Amino acid sequence: MLKKCIRQLGEYFLGKRKKFDLRLTFSGSTFQRQVWNELMNIPYGKHINYLDLSKRIENVKATRAVGTANGNNKICIVVPCHRVIGSNGDLVGYGGDLWRKKWLLDHEAKFAHGVQSLF
């Protein structure tokens, strides 16, 4: 499993992998698992905001809780929490620092759309 993960991460960073094919087991509350599963439905090279994410899990009043669950994701990149941005379009809330979030979004934009930078 570890070798498969390393290979797939390498492919991701080369721009050759847009979706991970790993058997994941989430350790968290039912709500957290729901948020993390929905993160994996955000397409490569795209981003949504926290309100959109709360709507996707049919809990529009849970925007703050969605943000907290997103921040508690321990499987970054594979579970693409970096694809969630602030409602005003700003980069917010990334445990790996915002410069890494920007880099990941720009990396995906380059390979998905040929765009150098979204932010």
N, C-alpha and C. Protein backbone atom coordinates (compact mmCIF):
# COMPACT_ATOMS: atom_id res chain seq x y z
N MET A 1 0.82 -1.19 0.00
CA MET A 1 0.00 0.00 0.00
C MET A 1 0.87 1.26 0.00
N LEU A 2 1.92 1.26 0.80
CA LEU A 2 2.80 2.42 0.88
C LEU A 2 3.50 2.67 -0.46
N LYS A 3 3.98 1.60 -1.10
CA LYS A 3 4.63 1.75 -2.40
C LYS A 3 3.66 2.30 -3.44
N LYS A 4 2.42 1.84 -3.40
CA LYS A 4 1.39 2.32 -4.33
C LYS A 4 1.12 3.81 -4.09
N CYS A 5 1.05 4.20 -2.83
CA CYS A 5 0.83 5.61 -2.48
C CYS A 5 1.99 6.47 -2.96
N ILE A 6 3.21 6.04 -2.73
CA ILE A 6 4.39 6.79 -3.16
C ILE A 6 4.40 6.93 -4.68
N ARG A 7 4.09 5.85 -5.39
CA ARG A 7 4.05 5.89 -6.86
C ARG A 7 3.00 6.87 -7.35
N GLN A 8 1.81 6.80 -6.74
CA GLN A 8 0.73 7.68 -7.17
C GLN A 8 1.01 9.14 -6.83
N LEU A 9 1.63 9.40 -5.70
CA LEU A 9 2.01 10.78 -5.37
C LEU A 9 3.05 11.30 -6.37
N GLY A 10 4.00 10.45 -6.73
CA GLY A 10 4.98 10.83 -7.74
C GLY A 10 4.32 11.18 -9.06
N GLU A 11 3.35 10.37 -9.47
CA GLU A 11 2.61 10.63 -10.71
C GLU A 11 1.83 11.94 -10.61
N TYR A 12 1.25 12.19 -9.44
CA TYR A 12 0.52 13.43 -9.22
C TYR A 12 1.45 14.64 -9.42
N PHE A 13 2.61 14.59 -8.80
CA PHE A 13 3.52 15.72 -8.87
C PHE A 13 4.13 15.90 -10.26
N LEU A 14 4.13 14.84 -11.07
CA LEU A 14 4.56 14.95 -12.46
C LEU A 14 3.43 15.43 -13.37
N GLY A 15 2.23 15.56 -12.81
CA GLY A 15 1.08 15.98 -13.59
C GLY A 15 0.42 14.86 -14.37
N LYS A 16 0.77 13.63 -14.04
CA LYS A 16 0.23 12.47 -14.76
C LYS A 16 -0.96 11.82 -14.06
N ARG A 17 -1.15 12.11 -12.79
CA ARG A 17 -2.26 11.51 -12.04
C ARG A 17 -3.19 12.61 -11.56
N LYS A 18 -4.47 12.43 -11.84
CA LYS A 18 -5.46 13.42 -11.45
C LYS A 18 -6.40 12.89 -10.37
N LYS A 19 -6.40 11.60 -10.16
CA LYS A 19 -7.23 10.99 -9.12
C LYS A 19 -6.46 9.81 -8.53
N PHE A 20 -6.52 9.69 -7.23
CA PHE A 20 -5.81 8.62 -6.55
C PHE A 20 -6.68 7.37 -6.48
N ASP A 21 -6.02 6.24 -6.58
CA ASP A 21 -6.69 4.95 -6.52
C ASP A 21 -6.08 4.17 -5.34
N LEU A 22 -6.48 4.57 -4.16
CA LEU A 22 -5.96 3.96 -2.94
C LEU A 22 -7.13 3.57 -2.05
N ARG A 23 -6.99 2.47 -1.36
CA ARG A 23 -8.01 2.06 -0.40
C ARG A 23 -7.76 2.82 0.89
N LEU A 24 -8.67 3.75 1.19
CA LEU A 24 -8.51 4.62 2.34
C LEU A 24 -9.47 4.23 3.46
N THR A 25 -8.98 4.33 4.68
CA THR A 25 -9.81 4.16 5.85
C THR A 25 -9.71 5.43 6.67
N PHE A 26 -10.84 6.12 6.81
CA PHE A 26 -10.86 7.37 7.55
C PHE A 26 -11.15 7.11 9.01
N SER A 27 -10.42 7.76 9.87
CA SER A 27 -10.66 7.69 11.30
C SER A 27 -11.17 9.05 11.75
N GLY A 28 -12.47 9.13 11.96
CA GLY A 28 -13.08 10.38 12.38
C GLY A 28 -14.56 10.18 12.60
N SER A 29 -15.24 11.25 12.94
CA SER A 29 -16.68 11.18 13.17
C SER A 29 -17.40 10.92 11.85
N THR A 30 -18.65 10.56 11.94
CA THR A 30 -19.47 10.36 10.74
C THR A 30 -19.48 11.62 9.90
N PHE A 31 -19.64 12.77 10.54
CA PHE A 31 -19.65 14.04 9.83
C PHE A 31 -18.31 14.29 9.12
N GLN A 32 -17.20 14.08 9.82
CA GLN A 32 -15.89 14.28 9.21
C GLN A 32 -15.70 13.37 8.00
N ARG A 33 -16.06 12.11 8.14
CA ARG A 33 -15.93 11.16 7.03
C ARG A 33 -16.78 11.60 5.84
N GLN A 34 -17.95 12.15 6.11
CA GLN A 34 -18.82 12.65 5.05
C GLN A 34 -18.13 13.80 4.30
N VAL A 35 -17.55 14.72 5.04
CA VAL A 35 -16.85 15.85 4.42
C VAL A 35 -15.65 15.34 3.62
N TRP A 36 -14.85 14.46 4.19
CA TRP A 36 -13.66 13.96 3.51
C TRP A 36 -14.01 13.19 2.24
N ASN A 37 -15.07 12.41 2.31
CA ASN A 37 -15.52 11.71 1.10
C ASN A 37 -15.93 12.70 0.01
N GLU A 38 -16.59 13.77 0.41
CA GLU A 38 -17.02 14.76 -0.58
C GLU A 38 -15.84 15.53 -1.16
N LEU A 39 -14.79 15.73 -0.38
CA LEU A 39 -13.59 16.37 -0.90
C LEU A 39 -13.04 15.62 -2.11
N MET A 40 -13.16 14.32 -2.08
CA MET A 40 -12.63 13.51 -3.16
C MET A 40 -13.47 13.60 -4.43
N ASN A 41 -14.62 14.26 -4.34
CA ASN A 41 -15.46 14.48 -5.51
C ASN A 41 -15.19 15.83 -6.19
N ILE A 42 -14.30 16.63 -5.62
CA ILE A 42 -13.95 17.91 -6.26
C ILE A 42 -12.94 17.57 -7.37
N PRO A 43 -13.27 17.91 -8.60
CA PRO A 43 -12.39 17.52 -9.71
C PRO A 43 -11.01 18.17 -9.63
N TYR A 44 -10.05 17.46 -10.13
CA TYR A 44 -8.68 17.94 -10.28
C TYR A 44 -8.70 19.26 -11.06
N GLY A 45 -7.96 20.22 -10.56
CA GLY A 45 -7.87 21.51 -11.24
C GLY A 45 -9.01 22.46 -10.94
N LYS A 46 -9.96 22.03 -10.12
CA LYS A 46 -11.10 22.87 -9.76
C LYS A 46 -11.04 23.19 -8.28
N HIS A 47 -11.82 24.16 -7.85
CA HIS A 47 -11.94 24.45 -6.43
C HIS A 47 -13.37 24.90 -6.14
N ILE A 48 -13.75 24.74 -4.89
CA ILE A 48 -15.06 25.19 -4.41
C ILE A 48 -14.83 25.93 -3.11
N ASN A 49 -15.88 26.56 -2.58
CA ASN A 49 -15.72 27.22 -1.29
C ASN A 49 -16.40 26.39 -0.20
N TYR A 50 -16.23 26.82 1.04
CA TYR A 50 -16.75 26.05 2.17
C TYR A 50 -18.27 25.97 2.15
N LEU A 51 -18.94 27.02 1.72
CA LEU A 51 -20.40 26.99 1.61
C LEU A 51 -20.83 25.95 0.58
N ASP A 52 -20.15 25.93 -0.56
CA ASP A 52 -20.46 24.92 -1.59
C ASP A 52 -20.29 23.51 -1.04
N LEU A 53 -19.22 23.33 -0.27
CA LEU A 53 -18.97 22.01 0.31
C LEU A 53 -20.08 21.63 1.29
N SER A 54 -20.52 22.59 2.10
CA SER A 54 -21.61 22.29 3.04
C SER A 54 -22.91 21.99 2.29
N LYS A 55 -23.13 22.65 1.17
CA LYS A 55 -24.31 22.34 0.35
C LYS A 55 -24.21 20.94 -0.25
N ARG A 56 -23.02 20.55 -0.65
CA ARG A 56 -22.82 19.23 -1.25
C ARG A 56 -23.15 18.11 -0.27
N ILE A 57 -22.91 18.37 1.01
CA ILE A 57 -23.23 17.33 2.00
C ILE A 57 -24.62 17.56 2.60
N GLU A 58 -25.36 18.48 1.97
CA GLU A 58 -26.74 18.79 2.35
C GLU A 58 -26.87 19.24 3.80
N ASN A 59 -25.95 20.13 4.19
CA ASN A 59 -25.96 20.69 5.53
C ASN A 59 -25.46 22.13 5.45
N VAL A 60 -26.25 22.98 4.80
CA VAL A 60 -25.83 24.34 4.47
C VAL A 60 -25.47 25.17 5.69
N LYS A 61 -26.00 24.84 6.85
CA LYS A 61 -25.71 25.60 8.07
C LYS A 61 -24.42 25.16 8.75
N ALA A 62 -23.76 24.17 8.18
CA ALA A 62 -22.57 23.61 8.81
C ALA A 62 -21.27 24.10 8.20
N THR A 63 -21.27 25.31 7.66
CA THR A 63 -20.08 25.81 6.96
C THR A 63 -18.85 25.81 7.86
N ARG A 64 -19.00 26.29 9.08
CA ARG A 64 -17.85 26.31 10.01
C ARG A 64 -17.41 24.89 10.37
N ALA A 65 -18.36 24.01 10.61
CA ALA A 65 -18.02 22.62 10.94
C ALA A 65 -17.34 21.94 9.76
N VAL A 66 -17.78 22.27 8.54
CA VAL A 66 -17.13 21.74 7.34
C VAL A 66 -15.68 22.21 7.30
N GLY A 67 -15.45 23.49 7.61
CA GLY A 67 -14.09 24.01 7.64
C GLY A 67 -13.23 23.30 8.67
N THR A 68 -13.81 23.03 9.83
CA THR A 68 -13.07 22.31 10.88
C THR A 68 -12.75 20.89 10.44
N ALA A 69 -13.73 20.21 9.86
CA ALA A 69 -13.50 18.84 9.36
C ALA A 69 -12.44 18.85 8.27
N ASN A 70 -12.52 19.83 7.39
CA ASN A 70 -11.54 19.96 6.32
C ASN A 70 -10.14 20.11 6.91
N GLY A 71 -10.03 20.92 7.94
CA GLY A 71 -8.74 21.13 8.60
C GLY A 71 -8.23 19.92 9.35
N ASN A 72 -9.11 19.00 9.69
CA ASN A 72 -8.71 17.79 10.40
C ASN A 72 -8.36 16.63 9.47
N ASN A 73 -8.42 16.87 8.17
CA ASN A 73 -8.05 15.86 7.19
C ASN A 73 -6.56 15.54 7.34
N LYS A 74 -6.26 14.28 7.58
CA LYS A 74 -4.86 13.86 7.78
C LYS A 74 -4.25 13.26 6.51
N ILE A 75 -5.02 13.21 5.43
CA ILE A 75 -4.52 12.58 4.20
C ILE A 75 -4.52 13.64 3.09
N CYS A 76 -3.82 14.72 3.36
CA CYS A 76 -3.76 15.83 2.40
C CYS A 76 -3.25 15.37 1.04
N ILE A 77 -3.60 16.08 0.03
CA ILE A 77 -3.31 15.85 -1.38
C ILE A 77 -4.15 14.68 -1.89
N VAL A 78 -4.04 13.51 -1.28
CA VAL A 78 -4.86 12.37 -1.69
C VAL A 78 -6.33 12.69 -1.46
N VAL A 79 -6.65 13.24 -0.31
CA VAL A 79 -7.98 13.77 -0.02
C VAL A 79 -7.81 15.28 -0.13
N PRO A 80 -8.20 15.86 -1.28
CA PRO A 80 -7.76 17.20 -1.67
C PRO A 80 -8.43 18.37 -0.95
N CYS A 81 -8.10 18.52 0.31
CA CYS A 81 -8.64 19.63 1.09
C CYS A 81 -8.13 20.98 0.57
N HIS A 82 -7.05 20.97 -0.19
CA HIS A 82 -6.51 22.21 -0.75
C HIS A 82 -7.43 22.80 -1.80
N ARG A 83 -8.40 22.05 -2.28
CA ARG A 83 -9.32 22.52 -3.32
C ARG A 83 -10.50 23.32 -2.76
N VAL A 84 -10.48 23.60 -1.47
CA VAL A 84 -11.55 24.38 -0.86
C VAL A 84 -10.97 25.75 -0.47
N ILE A 85 -11.65 26.81 -0.95
CA ILE A 85 -11.18 28.17 -0.72
C ILE A 85 -12.27 28.97 0.01
N GLY A 86 -11.96 30.18 0.37
CA GLY A 86 -12.92 31.04 1.04
C GLY A 86 -14.03 31.49 0.10
N SER A 87 -15.15 31.89 0.67
CA SER A 87 -16.32 32.32 -0.12
C SER A 87 -16.01 33.54 -0.99
N ASN A 88 -15.05 34.36 -0.55
CA ASN A 88 -14.69 35.55 -1.32
C ASN A 88 -13.60 35.26 -2.35
N GLY A 89 -13.23 34.00 -2.48
CA GLY A 89 -12.22 33.61 -3.46
C GLY A 89 -10.80 33.61 -2.93
N ASP A 90 -10.62 33.98 -1.66
CA ASP A 90 -9.29 34.01 -1.06
C ASP A 90 -8.85 32.61 -0.65
N LEU A 91 -7.55 32.42 -0.61
CA LEU A 91 -6.99 31.20 -0.07
C LEU A 91 -7.01 31.31 1.45
N VAL A 92 -7.68 30.39 2.08
CA VAL A 92 -7.78 30.38 3.54
C VAL A 92 -7.64 28.96 4.04
N GLY A 93 -7.26 28.84 5.29
CA GLY A 93 -7.32 27.59 6.02
C GLY A 93 -6.63 26.39 5.43
N TYR A 94 -5.30 26.36 5.49
CA TYR A 94 -4.58 25.17 5.06
C TYR A 94 -3.47 24.91 6.05
N GLY A 95 -3.50 23.72 6.67
CA GLY A 95 -2.54 23.37 7.70
C GLY A 95 -1.09 23.34 7.21
N GLY A 96 -0.91 23.15 5.91
CA GLY A 96 0.44 23.11 5.35
C GLY A 96 0.93 24.47 4.90
N ASP A 97 0.31 25.52 5.36
CA ASP A 97 0.59 26.92 5.00
C ASP A 97 -0.03 27.25 3.65
N LEU A 98 -0.44 28.49 3.54
CA LEU A 98 -1.16 28.93 2.34
C LEU A 98 -0.30 28.90 1.08
N TRP A 99 1.00 29.07 1.20
CA TRP A 99 1.86 29.03 0.02
C TRP A 99 1.82 27.64 -0.61
N ARG A 100 1.70 26.60 0.23
CA ARG A 100 1.60 25.23 -0.31
C ARG A 100 0.25 25.01 -0.98
N LYS A 101 -0.80 25.54 -0.37
CA LYS A 101 -2.13 25.44 -0.97
C LYS A 101 -2.13 26.10 -2.35
N LYS A 102 -1.56 27.29 -2.43
CA LYS A 102 -1.46 28.01 -3.70
C LYS A 102 -0.66 27.18 -4.70
N TRP A 103 0.45 26.62 -4.26
CA TRP A 103 1.29 25.82 -5.15
C TRP A 103 0.50 24.62 -5.69
N LEU A 104 -0.22 23.92 -4.83
CA LEU A 104 -1.00 22.76 -5.26
C LEU A 104 -2.09 23.16 -6.26
N LEU A 105 -2.79 24.24 -5.99
CA LEU A 105 -3.83 24.70 -6.91
C LEU A 105 -3.23 25.14 -8.24
N ASP A 106 -2.11 25.85 -8.20
CA ASP A 106 -1.44 26.26 -9.43
C ASP A 106 -0.91 25.05 -10.21
N HIS A 107 -0.36 24.08 -9.49
CA HIS A 107 0.14 22.85 -10.11
C HIS A 107 -0.98 22.14 -10.86
N GLU A 108 -2.13 21.99 -10.21
CA GLU A 108 -3.25 21.32 -10.85
C GLU A 108 -3.79 22.14 -12.03
N ALA A 109 -3.85 23.46 -11.88
CA ALA A 109 -4.34 24.31 -12.96
C ALA A 109 -3.45 24.18 -14.19
N LYS A 110 -2.16 24.10 -13.96
CA LYS A 110 -1.22 23.99 -15.07
C LYS A 110 -1.47 22.72 -15.88
N PHE A 111 -1.70 21.61 -15.21
CA PHE A 111 -1.88 20.35 -15.91
C PHE A 111 -3.32 20.11 -16.35
N ALA A 112 -4.26 20.75 -15.68
CA ALA A 112 -5.67 20.57 -16.05
C ALA A 112 -6.10 21.53 -17.15
N HIS A 113 -5.58 22.75 -17.08
CA HIS A 113 -6.06 23.81 -17.98
C HIS A 113 -4.95 24.51 -18.74
N GLY A 114 -3.71 24.22 -18.44
CA GLY A 114 -2.61 24.94 -19.06
C GLY A 114 -2.45 26.35 -18.53
N VAL A 115 -3.03 26.62 -17.36
CA VAL A 115 -2.98 27.94 -16.74
C VAL A 115 -1.80 27.97 -15.78
N GLN A 116 -1.03 29.04 -15.78
CA GLN A 116 0.12 29.12 -14.88
C GLN A 116 -0.28 29.36 -13.43
N SER A 117 -1.28 30.20 -13.18
CA SER A 117 -1.68 30.49 -11.81
C SER A 117 -3.14 30.92 -11.76
N LEU A 118 -3.85 30.40 -10.80
CA LEU A 118 -5.21 30.82 -10.56
C LEU A 118 -5.26 31.91 -9.49
N PHE A 119 -4.23 31.97 -8.65
CA PHE A 119 -4.23 32.89 -7.51
C PHE A 119 -2.98 33.73 -7.50
